Amino acid sequence: MGLVKTRKIAVANEKGGVGKSTTVINLGAALSRQGKSVLVVDTDPQANATKGLGVDVEEGMITLCDIINDPEANSGHDAVVQTAWRGLDLIPSHVDLAGIEIEIVDEEGRENKLKEGLEELVGKYDFILIDTPPSLSLLTVNVFTFAKEVLVPCQTHPYAYDALAELFDTIDAVNEEINPDLDVTGIIPTFFDKRTKISNKILNTLKTDERYKSLIFNTAIRVNTTIAESASVGKPVVFYKKSSYGACDYIDLANELLNRV
């Protein structure tokens, strides 16, 4: 198989609970349903994307922790796990990632560890989607050094909206100092509940804010219990219950992303 043009996309927000892992899992699955080859890279020590794709990390498995700790000894290829769904692969996370920053913080080129480990996989997938930790950390900086695009899930809640400015400042700083190719592709409204005034108000604010309005995806991910159910059984919602609101929303989001270059 020849090389393809890989879109390297970080899914990021420094605030937790906004739907990062859920977006990575289900957007990746929706893209794979469209015939795209997708690699999910889980850089969050909580390993929610790993669990959500039905992968149990067993002793002796090479994980992202090994790649970052010693990219020369541990190949990105060696860490790739095939999920139960064709075209959807994973590099799993591990709880040890929580301590990896202390180990590499004094090393030269510490912000390039992930890039070094994953570079050989560029050209092998249509999409590399990266789940990030819910904080600005050295791991997040590693992700931003490797990626070219950022997708920002934003819960339709005042706290999540208020946190956007800090995230955009971080992305601007990385763009200026480390990775000039990094850019925000879009903001994804998540946990949208049209029955509540606050959800509607925040969505409207996002769509009218001069800083963000050109970046907002038309697809809002609605509150849907089926998404949580699918995560609990380690199966993306587009495969778990294709007729659910959650599946429909992520399929729409995938189509919209394919049209945004």
C-alpha atoms as a PDB file:
ATOM      1  CA  MET A   1       0.000   0.000   0.000  1.00  0.00           C
ATOM      2  CA  GLY A   2       1.342   3.420  -0.924  1.00  0.00           C
ATOM      3  CA  LEU A   3       1.656   6.381   1.389  1.00  0.00           C
ATOM      4  CA  VAL A   4      -1.388   8.544   2.053  1.00  0.00           C
ATOM      5  CA  LYS A   5      -1.691  12.151   3.187  1.00  0.00           C
ATOM      6  CA  THR A   6      -2.159  11.872   6.930  1.00  0.00           C
ATOM      7  CA  ARG A   7      -4.159  14.449   8.868  1.00  0.00           C
ATOM      8  CA  LYS A   8      -2.560  14.669  12.326  1.00  0.00           C
ATOM      9  CA  ILE A   9      -5.238  15.956  14.679  1.00  0.00           C
ATOM     10  CA  ALA A  10      -5.026  16.659  18.402  1.00  0.00           C
ATOM     11  CA  VAL A  11      -8.334  16.678  20.289  1.00  0.00           C
ATOM     12  CA  ALA A  12      -7.616  19.035  23.137  1.00  0.00           C
ATOM     13  CA  ASN A  13      -9.044  21.136  25.915  1.00  0.00           C
ATOM     14  CA  GLU A  14      -7.302  21.965  29.168  1.00  0.00           C
ATOM     15  CA  LYS A  15     -10.615  21.556  30.978  1.00  0.00           C
ATOM     16  CA  GLY A  16     -11.673  18.013  31.858  1.00  0.00           C
ATOM     17  CA  GLY A  17     -15.108  16.541  31.291  1.00  0.00           C
ATOM     18  CA  VAL A  18     -15.818  18.237  27.969  1.00  0.00           C
ATOM     19  CA  GLY A  19     -15.885  15.070  25.857  1.00  0.00           C
ATOM     20  CA  LYS A  20     -12.325  14.756  24.541  1.00  0.00           C
ATOM     21  CA  SER A  21     -11.984  10.980  24.788  1.00  0.00           C
ATOM     22  CA  THR A  22     -15.576  10.453  23.678  1.00  0.00           C
ATOM     23  CA  THR A  23     -14.913  12.604  20.621  1.00  0.00           C
ATOM     24  CA  VAL A  24     -11.696  10.783  19.736  1.00  0.00           C
ATOM     25  CA  ILE A  25     -13.317   7.342  20.049  1.00  0.00           C
ATOM     26  CA  ASN A  26     -16.516   8.111  18.183  1.00  0.00           C
ATOM     27  CA  LEU A  27     -15.150  10.485  15.561  1.00  0.00           C
ATOM     28  CA  GLY A  28     -12.431   7.943  14.788  1.00  0.00           C
ATOM     29  CA  ALA A  29     -15.031   5.196  14.480  1.00  0.00           C
ATOM     30  CA  ALA A  30     -17.283   7.338  12.282  1.00  0.00           C
ATOM     31  CA  LEU A  31     -14.351   8.133   9.980  1.00  0.00           C
ATOM     32  CA  SER A  32     -13.461   4.442   9.752  1.00  0.00           C
ATOM     33  CA  ARG A  33     -17.066   3.734   8.703  1.00  0.00           C
ATOM     34  CA  GLN A  34     -16.466   6.126   5.818  1.00  0.00           C
ATOM     35  CA  GLY A  35     -13.618   3.913   4.648  1.00  0.00           C
ATOM     36  CA  LYS A  36     -10.847   6.034   6.174  1.00  0.00           C
ATOM     37  CA  SER A  37      -7.913   4.441   7.981  1.00  0.00           C
ATOM     38  CA  VAL A  38      -7.655   5.854  11.495  1.00  0.00           C
ATOM     39  CA  LEU A  39      -5.051   5.565  14.241  1.00  0.00           C
ATOM     40  CA  VAL A  40      -6.132   6.699  17.702  1.00  0.00           C
ATOM     41  CA  VAL A  41      -3.245   7.675  19.989  1.00  0.00           C
ATOM     42  CA  ASP A  42      -4.146   7.806  23.677  1.00  0.00           C
ATOM     43  CA  THR A  43      -1.860  10.222  25.552  1.00  0.00           C
ATOM     44  CA  ASP A  44      -4.086  10.530  28.624  1.00  0.00           C
ATOM     45  CA  PRO A  45      -2.859   8.484  31.643  1.00  0.00           C
ATOM     46  CA  GLN A  46      -6.524   7.773  32.498  1.00  0.00           C
ATOM     47  CA  ALA A  47      -6.629   5.700  29.280  1.00  0.00           C
ATOM     48  CA  ASN A  48     -10.304   6.392  28.566  1.00  0.00           C
ATOM     49  CA  ALA A  49      -9.836   6.183  24.784  1.00  0.00           C
ATOM     50  CA  THR A  50      -8.048   2.847  25.222  1.00  0.00           C
ATOM     51  CA  LYS A  51     -10.882   1.434  27.339  1.00  0.00           C
ATOM     52  CA  GLY A  52     -13.532   2.982  25.093  1.00  0.00           C
ATOM     53  CA  LEU A  53     -12.134   1.068  22.127  1.00  0.00           C
ATOM     54  CA  GLY A  54     -12.375  -2.194  24.023  1.00  0.00           C
ATOM     55  CA  VAL A  55      -8.637  -2.698  24.530  1.00  0.00           C
ATOM     56  CA  ASP A  56      -7.257  -4.153  27.767  1.00  0.00           C
ATOM     57  CA  VAL A  57      -3.585  -3.363  28.308  1.00  0.00           C
ATOM     58  CA  GLU A  58      -1.876  -6.575  29.301  1.00  0.00           C
ATOM     59  CA  GLU A  59       1.523  -7.013  30.860  1.00  0.00           C
ATOM     60  CA  GLY A  60       4.311  -6.825  28.300  1.00  0.00           C
ATOM     61  CA  MET A  61       2.316  -4.779  25.781  1.00  0.00           C
ATOM     62  CA  ILE A  62       4.148  -1.814  24.292  1.00  0.00           C
ATOM     63  CA  THR A  63       2.193   1.345  25.065  1.00  0.00           C
ATOM     64  CA  LEU A  64       2.618   5.032  24.436  1.00  0.00           C
ATOM     65  CA  CYS A  65       4.592   5.215  27.673  1.00  0.00           C
ATOM     66  CA  ASP A  66       7.328   3.036  26.154  1.00  0.00           C
ATOM     67  CA  ILE A  67       7.448   5.111  22.967  1.00  0.00           C
ATOM     68  CA  ILE A  68       7.885   8.403  24.803  1.00  0.00           C
ATOM     69  CA  ASN A  69      10.321   6.981  27.335  1.00  0.00           C
ATOM     70  CA  ASP A  70      12.593   5.477  24.676  1.00  0.00           C
ATOM     71  CA  PRO A  71      11.507   6.124  21.067  1.00  0.00           C
ATOM     72  CA  GLU A  72      14.703   4.574  19.711  1.00  0.00           C
ATOM     73  CA  ALA A  73      14.043   1.226  21.399  1.00  0.00           C
ATOM     74  CA  ASN A  74      10.257   1.166  20.976  1.00  0.00           C
ATOM     75  CA  SER A  75       8.829   1.659  17.517  1.00  0.00           C
ATOM     76  CA  GLY A  76       5.458   3.264  16.911  1.00  0.00           C
ATOM     77  CA  HIS A  77       4.633   0.264  14.718  1.00  0.00           C
ATOM     78  CA  ASP A  78       5.274  -2.098  17.645  1.00  0.00           C
ATOM     79  CA  ALA A  79       2.737  -0.273  19.810  1.00  0.00           C
ATOM     80  CA  VAL A  80      -0.148  -0.332  17.313  1.00  0.00           C
ATOM     81  CA  VAL A  81      -3.080  -2.514  18.364  1.00  0.00           C
ATOM     82  CA  GLN A  82      -5.823  -3.485  15.930  1.00  0.00           C
ATOM     83  CA  THR A  83      -9.252  -2.883  17.450  1.00  0.00           C
ATOM     84  CA  ALA A  84     -12.297  -5.021  16.706  1.00  0.00           C
ATOM     85  CA  TRP A  85     -13.207  -2.713  13.812  1.00  0.00           C
ATOM     86  CA  ARG A  86     -11.517  -2.604  10.444  1.00  0.00           C
ATOM     87  CA  GLY A  87      -9.587   0.575   9.724  1.00  0.00           C
ATOM     88  CA  LEU A  88      -9.510   1.635  13.388  1.00  0.00           C
ATOM     89  CA  ASP A  89      -6.194   1.079  15.190  1.00  0.00           C
ATOM     90  CA  LEU A  90      -4.928   2.241  18.575  1.00  0.00           C
ATOM     91  CA  ILE A  91      -1.745   3.068  20.398  1.00  0.00           C
ATOM     92  CA  PRO A  92      -2.839   2.455  23.989  1.00  0.00           C
ATOM     93  CA  SER A  93      -2.114   4.515  27.051  1.00  0.00           C
ATOM     94  CA  HIS A  94      -0.952   3.310  30.455  1.00  0.00           C
ATOM     95  CA  VAL A  95      -1.263   4.702  33.973  1.00  0.00           C
ATOM     96  CA  ASP A  96       2.568   5.031  34.061  1.00  0.00           C
ATOM     97  CA  LEU A  97       2.224   7.962  31.642  1.00  0.00           C
ATOM     98  CA  ALA A  98       1.319  10.046  34.701  1.00  0.00           C
ATOM     99  CA  GLY A  99       4.948   9.922  35.817  1.00  0.00           C
ATOM    100  CA  ILE A 100       6.672  10.069  32.438  1.00  0.00           C
ATOM    101  CA  GLU A 101       7.053  13.849  32.465  1.00  0.00           C
ATOM    102  CA  ILE A 102       9.298  13.697  35.521  1.00  0.00           C
ATOM    103  CA  GLU A 103      11.524  11.195  33.721  1.00  0.00           C
ATOM    104  CA  ILE A 104      11.968  13.232  30.544  1.00  0.00           C
ATOM    105  CA  VAL A 105      11.716  16.810  31.834  1.00  0.00           C
ATOM    106  CA  ASP A 106      15.496  17.335  31.880  1.00  0.00           C
ATOM    107  CA  GLU A 107      16.161  15.608  28.564  1.00  0.00           C
ATOM    108  CA  GLU A 108      17.147  17.586  25.500  1.00  0.00           C
ATOM    109  CA  GLY A 109      14.383  17.722  22.901  1.00  0.00           C
ATOM    110  CA  ARG A 110      11.817  16.531  25.444  1.00  0.00           C
ATOM    111  CA  GLU A 111       8.966  18.173  23.485  1.00  0.00           C
ATOM    112  CA  ASN A 112       9.797  15.994  20.429  1.00  0.00           C
ATOM    113  CA  LYS A 113       9.533  12.551  22.054  1.00  0.00           C
ATOM    114  CA  LEU A 114       6.074  11.787  20.703  1.00  0.00           C
ATOM    115  CA  LYS A 115       6.933  13.119  17.253  1.00  0.00           C
ATOM    116  CA  GLU A 116       9.998  10.872  17.087  1.00  0.00           C
ATOM    117  CA  GLY A 117       7.938   7.846  18.072  1.00  0.00           C
ATOM    118  CA  LEU A 118       5.045   8.429  15.689  1.00  0.00           C
ATOM    119  CA  GLU A 119       6.757   9.869  12.618  1.00  0.00           C
ATOM    120  CA  GLU A 120       7.139   6.462  10.950  1.00  0.00           C
ATOM    121  CA  LEU A 121       3.347   6.034  11.040  1.00  0.00           C
ATOM    122  CA  VAL A 122       2.662   9.212   9.099  1.00  0.00           C
ATOM    123  CA  GLY A 123       1.619   8.243   5.587  1.00  0.00           C
ATOM    124  CA  LYS A 124       0.158   4.921   6.762  1.00  0.00           C
ATOM    125  CA  TYR A 125      -3.185   6.329   7.959  1.00  0.00           C
ATOM    126  CA  ASP A 126      -5.652   8.885   6.640  1.00  0.00           C
ATOM    127  CA  PHE A 127      -6.108  10.224  10.170  1.00  0.00           C
ATOM    128  CA  ILE A 128      -4.078  10.135  13.361  1.00  0.00           C
ATOM    129  CA  LEU A 129      -6.376  11.315  16.166  1.00  0.00           C
ATOM    130  CA  ILE A 130      -4.721  12.077  19.485  1.00  0.00           C
ATOM    131  CA  ASP A 131      -6.505  12.185  22.829  1.00  0.00           C
ATOM    132  CA  THR A 132      -4.792  14.612  25.207  1.00  0.00           C
ATOM    133  CA  PRO A 133      -4.636  14.938  29.004  1.00  0.00           C
ATOM    134  CA  PRO A 134      -7.032  17.449  30.629  1.00  0.00           C
ATOM    135  CA  SER A 135      -4.243  19.850  31.529  1.00  0.00           C
ATOM    136  CA  LEU A 136      -1.417  21.816  29.994  1.00  0.00           C
ATOM    137  CA  SER A 137       1.449  19.414  30.494  1.00  0.00           C
ATOM    138  CA  LEU A 138       4.618  18.287  28.788  1.00  0.00           C
ATOM    139  CA  LEU A 139       2.545  15.483  27.243  1.00  0.00           C
ATOM    140  CA  THR A 140       0.168  18.048  25.734  1.00  0.00           C
ATOM    141  CA  VAL A 141       3.098  20.046  24.378  1.00  0.00           C
ATOM    142  CA  ASN A 142       4.428  16.820  22.807  1.00  0.00           C
ATOM    143  CA  VAL A 143       1.071  16.323  21.105  1.00  0.00           C
ATOM    144  CA  PHE A 144       1.002  19.909  19.824  1.00  0.00           C
ATOM    145  CA  THR A 145       4.556  19.525  18.515  1.00  0.00           C
ATOM    146  CA  PHE A 146       3.493  16.526  16.408  1.00  0.00           C
ATOM    147  CA  ALA A 147       0.008  17.572  15.304  1.00  0.00           C
ATOM    148  CA  LYS A 148      -0.969  19.962  12.534  1.00  0.00           C
ATOM    149  CA  GLU A 149      -4.601  20.416  13.515  1.00  0.00           C
ATOM    150  CA  VAL A 150      -6.484  20.883  16.771  1.00  0.00           C
ATOM    151  CA  LEU A 151     -10.118  20.020  17.386  1.00  0.00           C
ATOM    152  CA  VAL A 152     -11.544  21.604  20.524  1.00  0.00           C
ATOM    153  CA  PRO A 153     -14.554  19.941  22.174  1.00  0.00           C
ATOM    154  CA  CYS A 154     -16.380  22.572  24.219  1.00  0.00           C
ATOM    155  CA  GLN A 155     -19.168  21.605  26.575  1.00  0.00           C
ATOM    156  CA  THR A 156     -22.077  24.029  26.203  1.00  0.00           C
ATOM    157  CA  HIS A 157     -21.551  25.266  29.761  1.00  0.00           C
ATOM    158  CA  PRO A 158     -20.174  28.611  31.026  1.00  0.00           C
ATOM    159  CA  TYR A 159     -17.058  27.128  32.674  1.00  0.00           C
ATOM    160  CA  ALA A 160     -16.044  25.328  29.477  1.00  0.00           C
ATOM    161  CA  TYR A 161     -16.633  28.431  27.389  1.00  0.00           C
ATOM    162  CA  ASP A 162     -14.559  30.568  29.770  1.00  0.00           C
ATOM    163  CA  ALA A 163     -11.661  28.082  29.572  1.00  0.00           C
ATOM    164  CA  LEU A 164     -11.329  28.418  25.786  1.00  0.00           C
ATOM    165  CA  ALA A 165      -9.268  31.625  25.905  1.00  0.00           C
ATOM    166  CA  GLU A 166      -6.477  29.978  27.904  1.00  0.00           C
ATOM    167  CA  LEU A 167      -6.357  27.004  25.533  1.00  0.00           C
ATOM    168  CA  PHE A 168      -6.131  29.272  22.489  1.00  0.00           C
ATOM    169  CA  ASP A 169      -3.290  31.211  24.171  1.00  0.00           C
ATOM    170  CA  THR A 170      -1.426  27.928  24.668  1.00  0.00           C
ATOM    171  CA  ILE A 171      -1.939  26.909  21.035  1.00  0.00           C
ATOM    172  CA  ASP A 172      -0.741  30.345  19.868  1.00  0.00           C
ATOM    173  CA  ALA A 173       2.387  30.040  22.030  1.00  0.00           C
ATOM    174  CA  VAL A 174       3.216  26.564  20.653  1.00  0.00           C
ATOM    175  CA  ASN A 175       2.518  27.847  17.151  1.00  0.00           C
ATOM    176  CA  GLU A 176       4.989  30.691  17.580  1.00  0.00           C
ATOM    177  CA  GLU A 177       7.754  28.904  19.473  1.00  0.00           C
ATOM    178  CA  ILE A 178       7.682  25.214  18.504  1.00  0.00           C
ATOM    179  CA  ASN A 179       5.304  24.229  15.699  1.00  0.00           C
ATOM    180  CA  PRO A 180       4.376  26.897  13.134  1.00  0.00           C
ATOM    181  CA  ASP A 181       2.143  24.383  11.296  1.00  0.00           C
ATOM    182  CA  LEU A 182      -0.272  23.973  14.220  1.00  0.00           C
ATOM    183  CA  ASP A 183      -3.738  25.436  13.696  1.00  0.00           C
ATOM    184  CA  VAL A 184      -7.244  25.085  15.128  1.00  0.00           C
ATOM    185  CA  THR A 185      -9.520  23.319  12.653  1.00  0.00           C
ATOM    186  CA  GLY A 186     -12.662  23.769  14.679  1.00  0.00           C
ATOM    187  CA  ILE A 187     -14.595  23.895  17.936  1.00  0.00           C
ATOM    188  CA  ILE A 188     -17.103  21.102  18.575  1.00  0.00           C
ATOM    189  CA  PRO A 189     -20.049  21.964  20.857  1.00  0.00           C
ATOM    190  CA  THR A 190     -20.595  18.981  23.183  1.00  0.00           C
ATOM    191  CA  PHE A 191     -23.185  17.907  25.774  1.00  0.00           C
ATOM    192  CA  PHE A 192     -25.714  20.129  24.029  1.00  0.00           C
ATOM    193  CA  ASP A 193     -29.202  19.974  25.511  1.00  0.00           C
ATOM    194  CA  LYS A 194     -31.696  22.027  23.549  1.00  0.00           C
ATOM    195  CA  ARG A 195     -34.179  21.810  26.453  1.00  0.00           C
ATOM    196  CA  THR A 196     -32.030  24.027  28.705  1.00  0.00           C
ATOM    197  CA  LYS A 197     -31.602  27.768  28.464  1.00  0.00           C
ATOM    198  CA  ILE A 198     -27.925  27.661  29.429  1.00  0.00           C
ATOM    199  CA  SER A 199     -27.000  25.150  26.714  1.00  0.00           C
ATOM    200  CA  ASN A 200     -28.739  27.260  24.067  1.00  0.00           C
ATOM    201  CA  LYS A 201     -27.198  30.446  25.437  1.00  0.00           C
ATOM    202  CA  ILE A 202     -23.616  29.101  25.354  1.00  0.00           C
ATOM    203  CA  LEU A 203     -24.059  27.652  21.856  1.00  0.00           C
ATOM    204  CA  ASN A 204     -25.354  31.002  20.648  1.00  0.00           C
ATOM    205  CA  THR A 205     -22.459  32.797  22.386  1.00  0.00           C
ATOM    206  CA  LEU A 206     -19.942  30.518  20.660  1.00  0.00           C
ATOM    207  CA  LYS A 207     -21.553  31.175  17.293  1.00  0.00           C
ATOM    208  CA  THR A 208     -21.466  34.961  17.758  1.00  0.00           C
ATOM    209  CA  ASP A 209     -18.108  35.398  19.538  1.00  0.00           C
ATOM    210  CA  GLU A 210     -15.692  37.086  17.102  1.00  0.00           C
ATOM    211  CA  ARG A 211     -12.824  34.856  18.261  1.00  0.00           C
ATOM    212  CA  TYR A 212     -14.631  31.567  17.705  1.00  0.00           C
ATOM    213  CA  LYS A 213     -17.610  31.922  15.370  1.00  0.00           C
ATOM    214  CA  SER A 214     -15.723  30.990  12.190  1.00  0.00           C
ATOM    215  CA  LEU A 215     -14.448  27.815  13.884  1.00  0.00           C
ATOM    216  CA  ILE A 216     -17.698  26.363  15.237  1.00  0.00           C
ATOM    217  CA  PHE A 217     -18.808  23.089  13.679  1.00  0.00           C
ATOM    218  CA  ASN A 218     -22.437  23.049  12.569  1.00  0.00           C
ATOM    219  CA  THR A 219     -22.766  19.664  14.260  1.00  0.00           C
ATOM    220  CA  ALA A 220     -23.358  19.879  18.004  1.00  0.00           C
ATOM    221  CA  ILE A 221     -22.971  16.633  19.949  1.00  0.00           C
ATOM    222  CA  ARG A 222     -26.200  16.271  21.871  1.00  0.00           C
ATOM    223  CA  VAL A 223     -26.560  14.869  25.383  1.00  0.00           C
ATOM    224  CA  ASN A 224     -27.233  11.182  24.801  1.00  0.00           C
ATOM    225  CA  THR A 225     -27.094   8.380  27.373  1.00  0.00           C
ATOM    226  CA  THR A 226     -26.324   5.846  24.620  1.00  0.00           C
ATOM    227  CA  ILE A 227     -22.857   7.409  24.261  1.00  0.00           C
ATOM    228  CA  ALA A 228     -22.109   6.656  27.927  1.00  0.00           C
ATOM    229  CA  GLU A 229     -23.561   3.149  27.576  1.00  0.00           C
ATOM    230  CA  SER A 230     -21.346   2.436  24.580  1.00  0.00           C
ATOM    231  CA  ALA A 231     -18.244   3.643  26.463  1.00  0.00           C
ATOM    232  CA  SER A 232     -19.033   1.319  29.361  1.00  0.00           C
ATOM    233  CA  VAL A 233     -18.903  -1.720  27.054  1.00  0.00           C
ATOM    234  CA  GLY A 234     -15.850  -0.542  25.103  1.00  0.00           C
ATOM    235  CA  LYS A 235     -17.653  -0.009  21.820  1.00  0.00           C
ATOM    236  CA  PRO A 236     -17.949   3.239  19.801  1.00  0.00           C
ATOM    237  CA  VAL A 237     -21.543   4.450  19.637  1.00  0.00           C
ATOM    238  CA  VAL A 238     -21.615   4.290  15.815  1.00  0.00           C
ATOM    239  CA  PHE A 239     -21.165   0.516  16.129  1.00  0.00           C
ATOM    240  CA  TYR A 240     -23.079   0.073  19.396  1.00  0.00           C
ATOM    241  CA  LYS A 241     -26.384   1.667  18.328  1.00  0.00           C
ATOM    242  CA  LYS A 242     -26.308   3.173  14.846  1.00  0.00           C
ATOM    243  CA  SER A 243     -29.749   4.773  15.116  1.00  0.00           C
ATOM    244  CA  SER A 244     -29.004   6.746  18.308  1.00  0.00           C
ATOM    245  CA  TYR A 245     -28.620  10.520  18.434  1.00  0.00           C
ATOM    246  CA  GLY A 246     -25.010  10.003  19.481  1.00  0.00           C
ATOM    247  CA  ALA A 247     -24.189   7.899  16.419  1.00  0.00           C
ATOM    248  CA  CYS A 248     -25.973  10.315  14.085  1.00  0.00           C
ATOM    249  CA  ASP A 249     -24.136  13.305  15.557  1.00  0.00           C
ATOM    250  CA  TYR A 250     -20.678  11.743  15.230  1.00  0.00           C
ATOM    251  CA  ILE A 251     -21.387  10.591  11.679  1.00  0.00           C
ATOM    252  CA  ASP A 252     -22.422  14.158  10.822  1.00  0.00           C
ATOM    253  CA  LEU A 253     -19.302  15.490  12.532  1.00  0.00           C
ATOM    254  CA  ALA A 254     -17.078  13.102  10.536  1.00  0.00           C
ATOM    255  CA  ASN A 255     -18.662  14.262   7.298  1.00  0.00           C
ATOM    256  CA  GLU A 256     -18.135  17.883   8.280  1.00  0.00           C
ATOM    257  CA  LEU A 257     -14.493  17.248   9.207  1.00  0.00           C
ATOM    258  CA  LEU A 258     -13.849  15.552   5.857  1.00  0.00           C
ATOM    259  CA  ASN A 259     -14.980  18.762   4.168  1.00  0.00           C
ATOM    260  CA  ARG A 260     -12.738  20.968   6.327  1.00  0.00           C
ATOM    261  CA  VAL A 261      -9.175  21.027   5.128  1.00  0.00           C
END
